[in-house]
N, C-alpha and C. Protein backbone atom coordinates (compact mmCIF):
# COMPACT_ATOMS: atom_id res chain seq x y z
N UNK A 1 0.90 -1.49 0.04
CA UNK A 1 0.30 -0.27 0.05
C UNK A 1 0.93 0.91 0.19
N UNK A 2 0.60 2.18 -0.60
CA UNK A 2 0.96 3.18 -0.67
C UNK A 2 0.10 4.70 -0.41
N UNK A 3 0.60 5.87 0.43
CA UNK A 3 0.29 7.11 0.83
C UNK A 3 0.24 8.00 -0.31
N UNK A 4 -0.86 8.52 -0.76
CA UNK A 4 -0.66 9.63 -1.88
C UNK A 4 -0.47 11.04 -1.40
N UNK A 5 0.02 12.17 -1.94
CA UNK A 5 -0.23 13.29 -1.38
C UNK A 5 -1.62 14.06 -0.85
N UNK A 6 -2.55 13.02 -1.03
CA UNK A 6 -4.14 13.53 -0.51
C UNK A 6 -4.25 13.10 0.67
N UNK A 7 -3.62 11.74 0.92
CA UNK A 7 -3.75 10.91 2.24
C UNK A 7 -4.66 9.77 2.20
N UNK A 8 -4.47 9.02 0.48
CA UNK A 8 -5.40 8.03 0.52
C UNK A 8 -4.11 6.99 -0.15
N UNK A 9 -4.60 5.54 0.55
CA UNK A 9 -3.64 3.94 0.35
C UNK A 9 -4.31 4.00 -0.98
N UNK A 10 -3.64 3.14 -1.65
CA UNK A 10 -3.82 2.59 -2.97
C UNK A 10 -3.54 1.05 -2.41
N UNK A 11 -4.28 0.12 -2.58
CA UNK A 11 -4.19 -0.96 -2.41
C UNK A 11 -4.86 -1.94 -3.16
N UNK A 12 -3.62 -2.51 -3.70
CA UNK A 12 -3.66 -3.83 -4.72
C UNK A 12 -3.49 -5.35 -4.19
N UNK A 13 -4.47 -6.29 -4.64
CA UNK A 13 -4.27 -7.30 -4.31
C UNK A 13 -4.44 -8.49 -5.23
N UNK A 14 -3.75 -9.62 -5.27
CA UNK A 14 -3.77 -10.42 -6.12
C UNK A 14 -4.09 -11.83 -5.30
N UNK A 15 -5.55 -12.48 -5.61
CA UNK A 15 -5.57 -13.86 -5.25
C UNK A 15 -5.10 -15.17 -6.04
N UNK A 16 -3.78 -15.06 -5.48
CA UNK A 16 -3.51 -16.29 -6.21
C UNK A 16 -4.06 -17.39 -6.04
N UNK A 17 -5.47 -17.32 -5.08
CA UNK A 17 -6.14 -18.84 -5.72
C UNK A 17 -6.75 -18.44 -7.33
N UNK A 18 -7.00 -17.41 -7.49
CA UNK A 18 -7.93 -17.43 -8.56
C UNK A 18 -7.61 -17.00 -9.95
N UNK A 19 -6.28 -16.33 -9.54
CA UNK A 19 -5.30 -16.08 -10.46
C UNK A 19 -5.02 -17.61 -11.35
N UNK A 20 -5.37 -17.09 -12.80
CA UNK A 20 -5.03 -18.73 -13.57
C UNK A 20 -3.87 -18.62 -14.76
N UNK A 21 -3.25 -17.35 -14.59
CA UNK A 21 -1.80 -16.63 -15.41
C UNK A 21 -2.23 -16.14 -16.89
N UNK A 22 -3.62 -15.49 -17.43
CA UNK A 22 -3.25 -15.65 -18.36
C UNK A 22 -2.97 -14.11 -18.89
N UNK A 23 -1.97 -13.64 -17.60
CA UNK A 23 -1.09 -12.39 -18.02
C UNK A 23 -1.55 -11.14 -18.78
N UNK A 24 -2.98 -10.81 -19.32
CA UNK A 24 -3.59 -9.95 -19.69
C UNK A 24 -3.64 -8.41 -18.62
N UNK A 25 -3.57 -8.96 -17.44
CA UNK A 25 -3.01 -7.76 -16.53
C UNK A 25 -1.52 -6.95 -16.42
N UNK A 26 -0.60 -7.96 -16.81
CA UNK A 26 0.24 -7.19 -16.82
C UNK A 26 0.97 -6.75 -18.45
N UNK A 27 0.09 -7.36 -19.35
CA UNK A 27 -0.09 -6.94 -20.91
C UNK A 27 -0.72 -5.73 -20.88
N UNK A 28 -1.83 -4.98 -20.08
CA UNK A 28 -2.61 -3.75 -20.29
C UNK A 28 -2.16 -2.70 -19.17
N UNK A 29 -1.38 -3.09 -18.18
CA UNK A 29 -0.27 -2.26 -17.11
C UNK A 29 0.80 -2.83 -16.84
N UNK A 30 1.28 -2.74 -17.72
CA UNK A 30 3.16 -3.34 -17.41
C UNK A 30 3.42 -2.32 -16.00
N UNK A 31 3.47 -1.42 -15.86
CA UNK A 31 4.13 -0.51 -14.95
C UNK A 31 3.12 -0.80 -13.45
N UNK A 32 2.19 -1.58 -13.74
CA UNK A 32 1.73 -2.35 -12.05
C UNK A 32 2.00 -3.84 -12.12
N UNK A 33 1.94 -4.14 -12.79
CA UNK A 33 1.46 -5.92 -12.95
C UNK A 33 2.71 -6.46 -13.74
N UNK A 34 3.53 -7.70 -13.02
CA UNK A 34 4.42 -8.34 -13.84
C UNK A 34 4.31 -9.97 -13.47
N UNK A 35 4.32 -10.48 -14.09
CA UNK A 35 4.31 -11.98 -13.71
C UNK A 35 6.05 -13.07 -13.35
N UNK A 36 5.36 -13.78 -12.50
CA UNK A 36 6.35 -14.34 -11.73
C UNK A 36 6.80 -15.37 -12.40
N UNK A 37 7.67 -16.27 -11.79
CA UNK A 37 8.28 -17.73 -12.52
C UNK A 37 7.24 -18.73 -12.79
N UNK A 38 6.28 -18.64 -11.47
CA UNK A 38 5.16 -19.61 -12.14
C UNK A 38 3.73 -19.39 -12.37
N UNK A 39 3.95 -17.94 -13.21
CA UNK A 39 2.90 -17.30 -14.39
C UNK A 39 1.79 -16.99 -13.58
N UNK A 40 1.99 -16.18 -12.36
CA UNK A 40 1.02 -15.35 -12.03
C UNK A 40 1.02 -14.08 -11.47
N UNK A 41 0.60 -13.11 -11.49
CA UNK A 41 0.25 -12.27 -11.56
C UNK A 41 1.07 -11.18 -9.83
N UNK A 42 1.59 -10.46 -10.33
CA UNK A 42 2.31 -9.92 -9.01
C UNK A 42 2.14 -8.08 -9.30
N UNK A 43 1.92 -7.98 -8.32
CA UNK A 43 1.82 -6.11 -8.02
C UNK A 43 3.05 -5.63 -7.48
N UNK A 44 3.77 -4.58 -8.73
CA UNK A 44 4.97 -3.94 -8.01
C UNK A 44 4.60 -3.23 -6.69
N UNK A 45 6.05 -3.29 -6.35
CA UNK A 45 5.73 -3.02 -4.67
C UNK A 45 5.75 -1.04 -4.56
N UNK A 46 5.00 -0.35 -3.81
CA UNK A 46 4.73 0.57 -3.40
C UNK A 46 4.50 1.29 -4.99
N UNK A 47 3.22 0.75 -5.34
CA UNK A 47 2.70 1.56 -6.85
C UNK A 47 1.99 2.81 -5.93
N UNK A 48 2.16 4.25 -6.55
CA UNK A 48 1.89 5.07 -6.16
C UNK A 48 0.35 5.28 -6.48
N UNK A 49 -0.41 5.98 -5.83
CA UNK A 49 -1.98 6.30 -5.37
C UNK A 49 -2.49 6.67 -6.86
N UNK A 50 -1.67 8.09 -7.46
CA UNK A 50 -1.94 8.57 -8.91
C UNK A 50 -2.26 7.48 -9.65
N UNK A 51 -1.70 6.27 -9.63
CA UNK A 51 -1.91 5.60 -10.79
C UNK A 51 -2.54 4.61 -10.76
N UNK A 52 -3.92 4.67 -9.92
CA UNK A 52 -5.23 4.02 -9.88
C UNK A 52 -6.15 3.90 -10.84
N UNK A 53 -5.98 4.80 -11.97
CA UNK A 53 -6.55 4.39 -13.59
C UNK A 53 -5.79 3.22 -14.09
N UNK A 54 -4.71 2.93 -14.16
CA UNK A 54 -3.77 1.68 -14.75
C UNK A 54 -4.40 0.36 -14.09
N UNK A 55 -3.45 0.68 -12.59
CA UNK A 55 -3.79 -0.12 -11.89
C UNK A 55 -5.12 -1.22 -11.71
N UNK A 56 -6.56 0.06 -12.35
CA UNK A 56 -7.96 -0.74 -12.64
C UNK A 56 -8.26 -1.11 -13.61
N UNK A 57 -7.51 -0.64 -14.97
CA UNK A 57 -7.53 -1.29 -16.37
C UNK A 57 -6.95 -2.67 -15.98
N UNK A 58 -6.24 -2.83 -15.82
CA UNK A 58 -5.10 -4.40 -15.20
C UNK A 58 -6.15 -4.80 -14.47
N UNK A 59 -6.87 -4.84 -13.46
CA UNK A 59 -7.51 -5.17 -12.46
C UNK A 59 -8.72 -5.73 -13.53
N UNK A 60 -9.12 -5.10 -14.26
CA UNK A 60 -10.82 -4.97 -15.17
C UNK A 60 -10.19 -5.80 -16.09
N UNK A 61 -9.19 -5.82 -16.44
CA UNK A 61 -8.62 -6.92 -18.07
C UNK A 61 -8.70 -8.58 -17.09
N UNK A 62 -8.73 -8.81 -15.90
CA UNK A 62 -8.30 -10.15 -15.34
C UNK A 62 -9.77 -11.03 -15.53
N UNK A 63 -10.03 -11.94 -16.49
CA UNK A 63 -10.98 -12.45 -16.41
C UNK A 63 -11.57 -13.42 -15.68
N UNK A 64 -10.62 -13.32 -14.42
CA UNK A 64 -11.30 -14.44 -13.02
C UNK A 64 -11.36 -13.72 -12.05
N UNK A 65 -11.14 -12.33 -12.10
CA UNK A 65 -11.48 -11.17 -11.15
C UNK A 65 -10.24 -11.48 -10.14
N UNK A 66 -9.36 -11.76 -10.35
CA UNK A 66 -8.48 -11.95 -9.08
C UNK A 66 -7.84 -10.51 -8.19
N UNK A 67 -8.05 -9.75 -8.78
CA UNK A 67 -7.12 -8.87 -8.52
C UNK A 67 -8.40 -7.47 -8.21
N UNK A 68 -7.96 -7.15 -6.73
CA UNK A 68 -8.66 -6.28 -6.11
C UNK A 68 -8.07 -5.04 -5.89
N UNK A 69 -8.41 -4.05 -6.31
CA UNK A 69 -7.97 -2.60 -6.49
C UNK A 69 -8.72 -1.53 -5.98
N UNK A 70 -8.40 -0.80 -4.33
CA UNK A 70 -9.19 0.12 -3.36
C UNK A 70 -8.25 1.33 -3.24
N UNK A 71 -8.88 2.41 -3.47
CA UNK A 71 -8.27 3.22 -2.72
C UNK A 71 -8.78 3.87 -1.56
N UNK A 72 -8.04 3.48 -0.64
CA UNK A 72 -8.36 3.79 0.74
C UNK A 72 -8.57 5.32 1.59
N UNK A 73 -9.27 5.93 1.67
CA UNK A 73 -8.90 7.28 2.50
C UNK A 73 -8.43 7.34 3.76
N UNK A 74 -7.33 7.76 4.11
CA UNK A 74 -7.23 7.91 5.21
C UNK A 74 -7.29 9.06 6.14
N UNK A 75 -7.15 8.79 7.66
CA UNK A 75 -7.66 9.66 8.26
C UNK A 75 -6.49 10.93 9.12
N UNK A 76 -6.74 12.18 9.54
CA UNK A 76 -5.57 12.71 9.49
C UNK A 76 -4.89 12.23 10.71
N UNK A 77 -3.36 12.05 10.37
CA UNK A 77 -2.88 11.30 11.76
C UNK A 77 -1.65 9.79 10.49
N UNK A 78 -2.97 10.05 9.23
CA UNK A 78 -2.25 8.69 8.73
C UNK A 78 -3.25 7.40 9.19
N UNK A 79 -3.82 7.37 9.63
CA UNK A 79 -4.88 5.98 10.03
C UNK A 79 -5.83 5.70 8.80
N UNK A 80 -5.71 4.42 8.57
CA UNK A 80 -7.03 3.97 7.78
C UNK A 80 -8.57 4.04 7.94
N UNK A 81 -9.26 4.61 7.54
CA UNK A 81 -10.66 4.73 8.17
C UNK A 81 -11.58 3.65 7.11
């Protein structure tokens, strides 16, 4: 997760139980997703929150809906709510 300048956290999760290795996420959003040695999606570390649109494009390309992208607002002081 990464906190952006407006105090939001971008959370991207790949459910490896659902991922079948179609690689469409990495093809559509290579700055966010890559494919590991076993053929499954991996999220880049520390994805900036301003790349939310690209992260969602890759997630939406997954036919198995194995990727969840959430922008979580934070409370003052950095706590997520």
